[in-house]
Amino acid sequence: MKLIAIKDNYDGIFSLGNSCKVSTKLQQNNLRFYTGVIDWMTSFSLLGVVDLLQHNFMNFMEKENMIFTGYHAYGTKLGFKDIKYDIISCHDFLITENTPTDLKTYAEFKTILDRRIQRF
């Protein structure tokens, strides 16, 4: 793919990369006007991201599809992987409010996520 082939005006640019670094770079270059669905998540599976998009985020990050993966952000946040799409939430669950077995802030997280999905 060549730049000339995709050079155009766009309504939005979304991070589909494998880490939150893409979101940071978009923000630094004034290309990120609001948070996308997986901006602050990690995915090592392009097939998982493609599947997520093809299914219009159906059942994404539903509690029954999430497993604890460890601690992130220097041990301040819990990581949870959506096993259906192979995508990890790394920045959404503070250890001061949640535990690996009890996500007290899940409802708030899901509301925010659903709003991002609607915007997408």
C-alpha atoms as a PDB file:
ATOM      1  CA  MET A   1       0.000   0.000   0.000  1.00  0.00           C
ATOM      2  CA  LYS A   2       1.288   3.423  -0.886  1.00  0.00           C
ATOM      3  CA  LEU A   3       0.451   6.679   0.900  1.00  0.00           C
ATOM      4  CA  ILE A   4      -0.868   8.223  -2.308  1.00  0.00           C
ATOM      5  CA  ALA A   5      -3.446   5.424  -2.541  1.00  0.00           C
ATOM      6  CA  ILE A   6      -4.965   6.217   0.863  1.00  0.00           C
ATOM      7  CA  LYS A   7      -4.334   9.974   1.070  1.00  0.00           C
ATOM      8  CA  ASP A   8      -7.732  11.568   1.598  1.00  0.00           C
ATOM      9  CA  ASN A   9      -9.893  13.333   4.188  1.00  0.00           C
ATOM     10  CA  TYR A  10     -11.268  11.089   6.920  1.00  0.00           C
ATOM     11  CA  ASP A  11     -13.919  11.546   9.593  1.00  0.00           C
ATOM     12  CA  GLY A  12     -11.976   9.567  12.164  1.00  0.00           C
ATOM     13  CA  ILE A  13      -8.901   7.503  12.827  1.00  0.00           C
ATOM     14  CA  PHE A  14      -9.117   4.587  15.239  1.00  0.00           C
ATOM     15  CA  SER A  15      -6.453   2.524  16.890  1.00  0.00           C
ATOM     16  CA  LEU A  16      -6.573  -1.136  15.902  1.00  0.00           C
ATOM     17  CA  GLY A  17      -3.031  -1.829  16.995  1.00  0.00           C
ATOM     18  CA  ASN A  18      -1.813  -4.310  19.525  1.00  0.00           C
ATOM     19  CA  SER A  19      -1.253  -1.844  22.363  1.00  0.00           C
ATOM     20  CA  CYS A  20      -2.284   1.501  23.787  1.00  0.00           C
ATOM     21  CA  LYS A  21       0.828   3.136  22.300  1.00  0.00           C
ATOM     22  CA  VAL A  22      -1.069   3.725  19.058  1.00  0.00           C
ATOM     23  CA  SER A  23      -3.645   5.821  20.935  1.00  0.00           C
ATOM     24  CA  THR A  24      -0.883   7.822  22.566  1.00  0.00           C
ATOM     25  CA  LYS A  25       0.709   8.584  19.181  1.00  0.00           C
ATOM     26  CA  LEU A  26      -2.645   9.582  17.679  1.00  0.00           C
ATOM     27  CA  GLN A  27      -3.201  11.930  20.612  1.00  0.00           C
ATOM     28  CA  GLN A  28       0.301  13.431  20.340  1.00  0.00           C
ATOM     29  CA  ASN A  29      -0.348  14.184  16.661  1.00  0.00           C
ATOM     30  CA  ASN A  30      -3.822  15.675  17.259  1.00  0.00           C
ATOM     31  CA  LEU A  31      -5.498  12.816  15.382  1.00  0.00           C
ATOM     32  CA  ARG A  32      -7.469  11.389  18.303  1.00  0.00           C
ATOM     33  CA  PHE A  33     -10.642  13.308  19.027  1.00  0.00           C
ATOM     34  CA  TYR A  34     -12.230  10.770  21.355  1.00  0.00           C
ATOM     35  CA  THR A  35     -11.442   7.353  22.753  1.00  0.00           C
ATOM     36  CA  GLY A  36     -12.068   4.407  20.454  1.00  0.00           C
ATOM     37  CA  VAL A  37     -13.343   1.008  21.528  1.00  0.00           C
ATOM     38  CA  ILE A  38      -9.967  -0.720  21.896  1.00  0.00           C
ATOM     39  CA  ASP A  39      -7.709   2.337  22.265  1.00  0.00           C
ATOM     40  CA  TRP A  40      -6.483   1.356  25.720  1.00  0.00           C
ATOM     41  CA  MET A  41      -6.507  -2.400  25.216  1.00  0.00           C
ATOM     42  CA  THR A  42      -3.980  -4.959  24.015  1.00  0.00           C
ATOM     43  CA  SER A  43      -4.432  -7.523  21.272  1.00  0.00           C
ATOM     44  CA  PHE A  44      -1.834  -9.845  19.851  1.00  0.00           C
ATOM     45  CA  SER A  45      -4.359 -11.409  17.469  1.00  0.00           C
ATOM     46  CA  LEU A  46      -5.264  -9.605  14.258  1.00  0.00           C
ATOM     47  CA  LEU A  47      -7.845 -12.326  13.627  1.00  0.00           C
ATOM     48  CA  GLY A  48      -9.479 -11.472  16.958  1.00  0.00           C
ATOM     49  CA  VAL A  49      -9.725  -7.785  16.025  1.00  0.00           C
ATOM     50  CA  VAL A  50     -11.105  -8.631  12.572  1.00  0.00           C
ATOM     51  CA  ASP A  51     -13.653 -10.989  14.158  1.00  0.00           C
ATOM     52  CA  LEU A  52     -14.639  -8.263  16.641  1.00  0.00           C
ATOM     53  CA  LEU A  53     -15.248  -5.788  13.807  1.00  0.00           C
ATOM     54  CA  GLN A  54     -17.087  -8.311  11.621  1.00  0.00           C
ATOM     55  CA  HIS A  55     -19.427  -9.107  14.511  1.00  0.00           C
ATOM     56  CA  ASN A  56     -19.984  -5.416  15.334  1.00  0.00           C
ATOM     57  CA  PHE A  57     -18.567  -5.841  18.850  1.00  0.00           C
ATOM     58  CA  MET A  58     -21.291  -8.371  19.736  1.00  0.00           C
ATOM     59  CA  ASN A  59     -20.753  -9.731  23.272  1.00  0.00           C
ATOM     60  CA  PHE A  60     -17.440  -7.886  23.571  1.00  0.00           C
ATOM     61  CA  MET A  61     -16.111  -7.853  27.138  1.00  0.00           C
ATOM     62  CA  GLU A  62     -19.159  -9.606  28.533  1.00  0.00           C
ATOM     63  CA  LYS A  63     -18.330 -10.811  32.032  1.00  0.00           C
ATOM     64  CA  GLU A  64     -18.727 -14.490  31.159  1.00  0.00           C
ATOM     65  CA  ASN A  65     -16.077 -14.122  28.412  1.00  0.00           C
ATOM     66  CA  MET A  66     -13.479 -12.439  30.641  1.00  0.00           C
ATOM     67  CA  ILE A  67     -10.585 -14.067  32.478  1.00  0.00           C
ATOM     68  CA  PHE A  68      -8.017 -12.466  34.774  1.00  0.00           C
ATOM     69  CA  THR A  69      -4.591 -12.188  33.094  1.00  0.00           C
ATOM     70  CA  GLY A  70      -2.502 -10.384  35.700  1.00  0.00           C
ATOM     71  CA  TYR A  71      -1.546  -6.931  36.876  1.00  0.00           C
ATOM     72  CA  HIS A  72      -0.836  -4.017  34.538  1.00  0.00           C
ATOM     73  CA  ALA A  73       0.182  -0.358  34.710  1.00  0.00           C
ATOM     74  CA  TYR A  74       2.922  -0.998  37.269  1.00  0.00           C
ATOM     75  CA  GLY A  75       0.628  -3.178  39.352  1.00  0.00           C
ATOM     76  CA  THR A  76      -2.125  -0.576  39.749  1.00  0.00           C
ATOM     77  CA  LYS A  77      -4.685  -2.175  37.415  1.00  0.00           C
ATOM     78  CA  LEU A  78      -6.091  -5.634  36.776  1.00  0.00           C
ATOM     79  CA  GLY A  79      -5.918  -7.140  33.308  1.00  0.00           C
ATOM     80  CA  PHE A  80      -8.862  -9.070  31.918  1.00  0.00           C
ATOM     81  CA  LYS A  81      -8.907 -10.898  28.604  1.00  0.00           C
ATOM     82  CA  ASP A  82     -11.976 -11.312  26.447  1.00  0.00           C
ATOM     83  CA  ILE A  83     -11.464 -14.944  25.436  1.00  0.00           C
ATOM     84  CA  LYS A  84     -13.895 -14.680  22.512  1.00  0.00           C
ATOM     85  CA  TYR A  85     -11.857 -11.991  20.730  1.00  0.00           C
ATOM     86  CA  ASP A  86      -8.448 -12.403  22.426  1.00  0.00           C
ATOM     87  CA  ILE A  87      -8.293  -8.757  23.556  1.00  0.00           C
ATOM     88  CA  ILE A  88      -7.038  -7.619  26.968  1.00  0.00           C
ATOM     89  CA  SER A  89      -8.348  -4.699  29.010  1.00  0.00           C
ATOM     90  CA  CYS A  90      -5.263  -3.329  30.780  1.00  0.00           C
ATOM     91  CA  HIS A  91      -6.321   0.068  32.120  1.00  0.00           C
ATOM     92  CA  ASP A  92      -9.933  -0.234  33.232  1.00  0.00           C
ATOM     93  CA  PHE A  93      -9.963  -1.980  36.597  1.00  0.00           C
ATOM     94  CA  LEU A  94      -8.109  -0.301  39.469  1.00  0.00           C
ATOM     95  CA  ILE A  95      -6.835  -2.671  42.161  1.00  0.00           C
ATOM     96  CA  THR A  96      -8.102  -0.263  44.816  1.00  0.00           C
ATOM     97  CA  GLU A  97     -11.697  -0.899  43.684  1.00  0.00           C
ATOM     98  CA  ASN A  98     -11.608  -4.400  42.178  1.00  0.00           C
ATOM     99  CA  THR A  99     -10.129  -7.836  42.771  1.00  0.00           C
ATOM    100  CA  PRO A 100      -9.422 -10.623  40.276  1.00  0.00           C
ATOM    101  CA  THR A 101     -12.655 -12.316  41.393  1.00  0.00           C
ATOM    102  CA  ASP A 102     -14.859  -9.263  42.028  1.00  0.00           C
ATOM    103  CA  LEU A 103     -15.135  -6.467  39.469  1.00  0.00           C
ATOM    104  CA  LYS A 104     -17.071  -3.863  41.426  1.00  0.00           C
ATOM    105  CA  THR A 105     -16.650  -1.277  38.638  1.00  0.00           C
ATOM    106  CA  TYR A 106     -17.691  -3.617  35.805  1.00  0.00           C
ATOM    107  CA  ALA A 107     -21.073  -1.910  35.204  1.00  0.00           C
ATOM    108  CA  GLU A 108     -19.383   1.486  34.852  1.00  0.00           C
ATOM    109  CA  PHE A 109     -16.737  -0.024  32.533  1.00  0.00           C
ATOM    110  CA  LYS A 110     -19.403  -1.669  30.355  1.00  0.00           C
ATOM    111  CA  THR A 111     -21.422   1.558  30.086  1.00  0.00           C
ATOM    112  CA  ILE A 112     -18.352   3.438  28.871  1.00  0.00           C
ATOM    113  CA  LEU A 113     -17.422   0.628  26.477  1.00  0.00           C
ATOM    114  CA  ASP A 114     -20.937   0.488  25.020  1.00  0.00           C
ATOM    115  CA  ARG A 115     -20.865   4.264  24.455  1.00  0.00           C
ATOM    116  CA  ARG A 116     -17.571   3.903  22.566  1.00  0.00           C
ATOM    117  CA  ILE A 117     -19.062   1.105  20.480  1.00  0.00           C
ATOM    118  CA  GLN A 118     -22.058   3.279  19.550  1.00  0.00           C
ATOM    119  CA  ARG A 119     -19.703   6.081  18.475  1.00  0.00           C
ATOM    120  CA  PHE A 120     -17.674   3.733  16.313  1.00  0.00           C
END
